[in-house]
C-alpha cells in the first residue's frame, strides 16, 4: 500500500490558484453589493462571502475534481451577480 502523499502536477497548482482567484473575485463582488445594497441584504451578502472563504479552505488541494467543482460553482455565482448588476 502506498501511503506517500500525492504530489501536485503543475496544472493542479494552476487549477487551485484559479479557484482561489475566482473565489476572491466573487467575494469582492458580494462585498461591493453589500456596500451598495439595502440594510436587509447586507448581512446575507456578508455571510455568503464568509461561506465562500470557508468553502475554499474546505477543498482538499489534492482533489482535482473538488477544485474544479468549486471553481465551476464560484464562476456560475459570479456570472449571476454580474448579470444582475449590469
Protein backbone atom coordinates (compact mmCIF):
# COMPACT_ATOMS: atom_id res chain seq x y z
CA UNK A 1 0.00 0.00 0.00
CA UNK A 2 1.34 3.39 -0.98
CA UNK A 3 0.91 5.91 1.87
CA UNK A 4 3.05 8.59 0.29
CA UNK A 5 1.34 11.96 -0.07
CA UNK A 6 0.50 12.54 -3.72
CA UNK A 7 2.40 15.27 -5.47
CA UNK A 8 0.74 18.08 -7.30
CA UNK A 9 1.14 18.32 -11.01
CA UNK A 10 1.81 21.80 -12.33
CA UNK A 11 -1.66 22.07 -13.87
CA UNK A 12 -3.20 21.10 -10.49
CA UNK A 13 -1.47 24.06 -8.90
CA UNK A 14 -2.77 26.35 -11.62
CA UNK A 15 -6.31 24.98 -11.17
CA UNK A 16 -6.11 25.57 -7.42
CA UNK A 17 -4.91 29.15 -7.97
CA UNK A 18 -7.75 29.76 -10.45
CA UNK A 19 -10.24 28.51 -7.85
CA UNK A 20 -8.84 30.87 -5.23
CA UNK A 21 -8.78 33.84 -7.63
CA UNK A 22 -12.37 33.15 -8.68
CA UNK A 23 -13.41 32.95 -5.03
CA UNK A 24 -11.67 36.25 -4.34
CA UNK A 25 -13.43 37.93 -7.28
CA UNK A 26 -16.76 36.53 -6.09
CA UNK A 27 -16.19 37.76 -2.54
CA UNK A 28 -15.24 41.20 -3.83
CA UNK A 29 -18.42 41.36 -5.90
CA UNK A 30 -20.53 40.29 -2.92
CA UNK A 31 -18.91 42.84 -0.62
CA UNK A 32 -19.43 45.56 -3.21
CA UNK A 33 -23.11 44.63 -3.34
CA UNK A 34 -23.27 44.72 0.45
CA UNK A 35 -21.80 48.20 0.39
CA UNK A 36 -24.38 49.48 -2.06
CA UNK A 37 -27.39 47.32 -1.17
CA UNK A 38 -30.16 47.91 1.35
CA UNK A 39 -29.64 47.03 5.01
CA UNK A 40 -31.72 43.84 4.89
CA UNK A 41 -29.43 42.18 2.35
CA UNK A 42 -26.12 43.27 3.86
CA UNK A 43 -25.84 40.52 6.46
CA UNK A 44 -26.89 37.83 3.99
CA UNK A 45 -24.36 39.05 1.45
CA UNK A 46 -21.57 39.21 4.03
CA UNK A 47 -22.48 35.73 5.28
CA UNK A 48 -22.26 34.37 1.73
CA UNK A 49 -18.82 35.95 1.30
CA UNK A 50 -17.65 34.33 4.54
CA UNK A 51 -19.08 30.97 3.47
CA UNK A 52 -17.10 31.17 0.23
CA UNK A 53 -13.92 31.63 2.23
CA UNK A 54 -14.82 28.55 4.27
CA UNK A 55 -15.54 26.60 1.09
CA UNK A 56 -12.08 27.43 -0.28
CA UNK A 57 -10.41 26.23 2.91
CA UNK A 58 -12.50 23.04 2.90
CA UNK A 59 -11.31 21.91 -0.55
CA UNK A 60 -8.67 19.20 -0.50
CA UNK A 61 -5.88 20.69 -2.56
CA UNK A 62 -5.00 17.23 -3.89
CA UNK A 63 -8.55 16.53 -5.12
CA UNK A 64 -8.64 17.94 -8.64
CA UNK A 65 -12.33 17.08 -9.10
CA UNK A 66 -13.24 19.04 -5.95
CA UNK A 67 -11.14 22.00 -7.07
CA UNK A 68 -12.80 22.01 -10.49
CA UNK A 69 -16.28 21.68 -8.95
CA UNK A 70 -15.73 24.65 -6.64
CA UNK A 71 -14.32 26.74 -9.47
CA UNK A 72 -17.38 25.95 -11.57
CA UNK A 73 -19.72 26.85 -8.70
CA UNK A 74 -17.88 30.11 -7.96
CA UNK A 75 -17.81 31.06 -11.65
CA UNK A 76 -21.54 30.42 -12.02
CA UNK A 77 -22.37 32.53 -8.96
CA UNK A 78 -20.09 35.34 -10.14
CA UNK A 79 -21.83 35.28 -13.52
CA UNK A 80 -25.22 35.53 -11.77
CA UNK A 81 -24.10 38.55 -9.80
CA UNK A 82 -22.51 40.36 -12.71
CA UNK A 83 -25.55 39.67 -14.92
CA UNK A 84 -27.90 41.00 -12.25
CA UNK A 85 -25.92 44.21 -11.76
CA UNK A 86 -25.42 45.19 -15.39
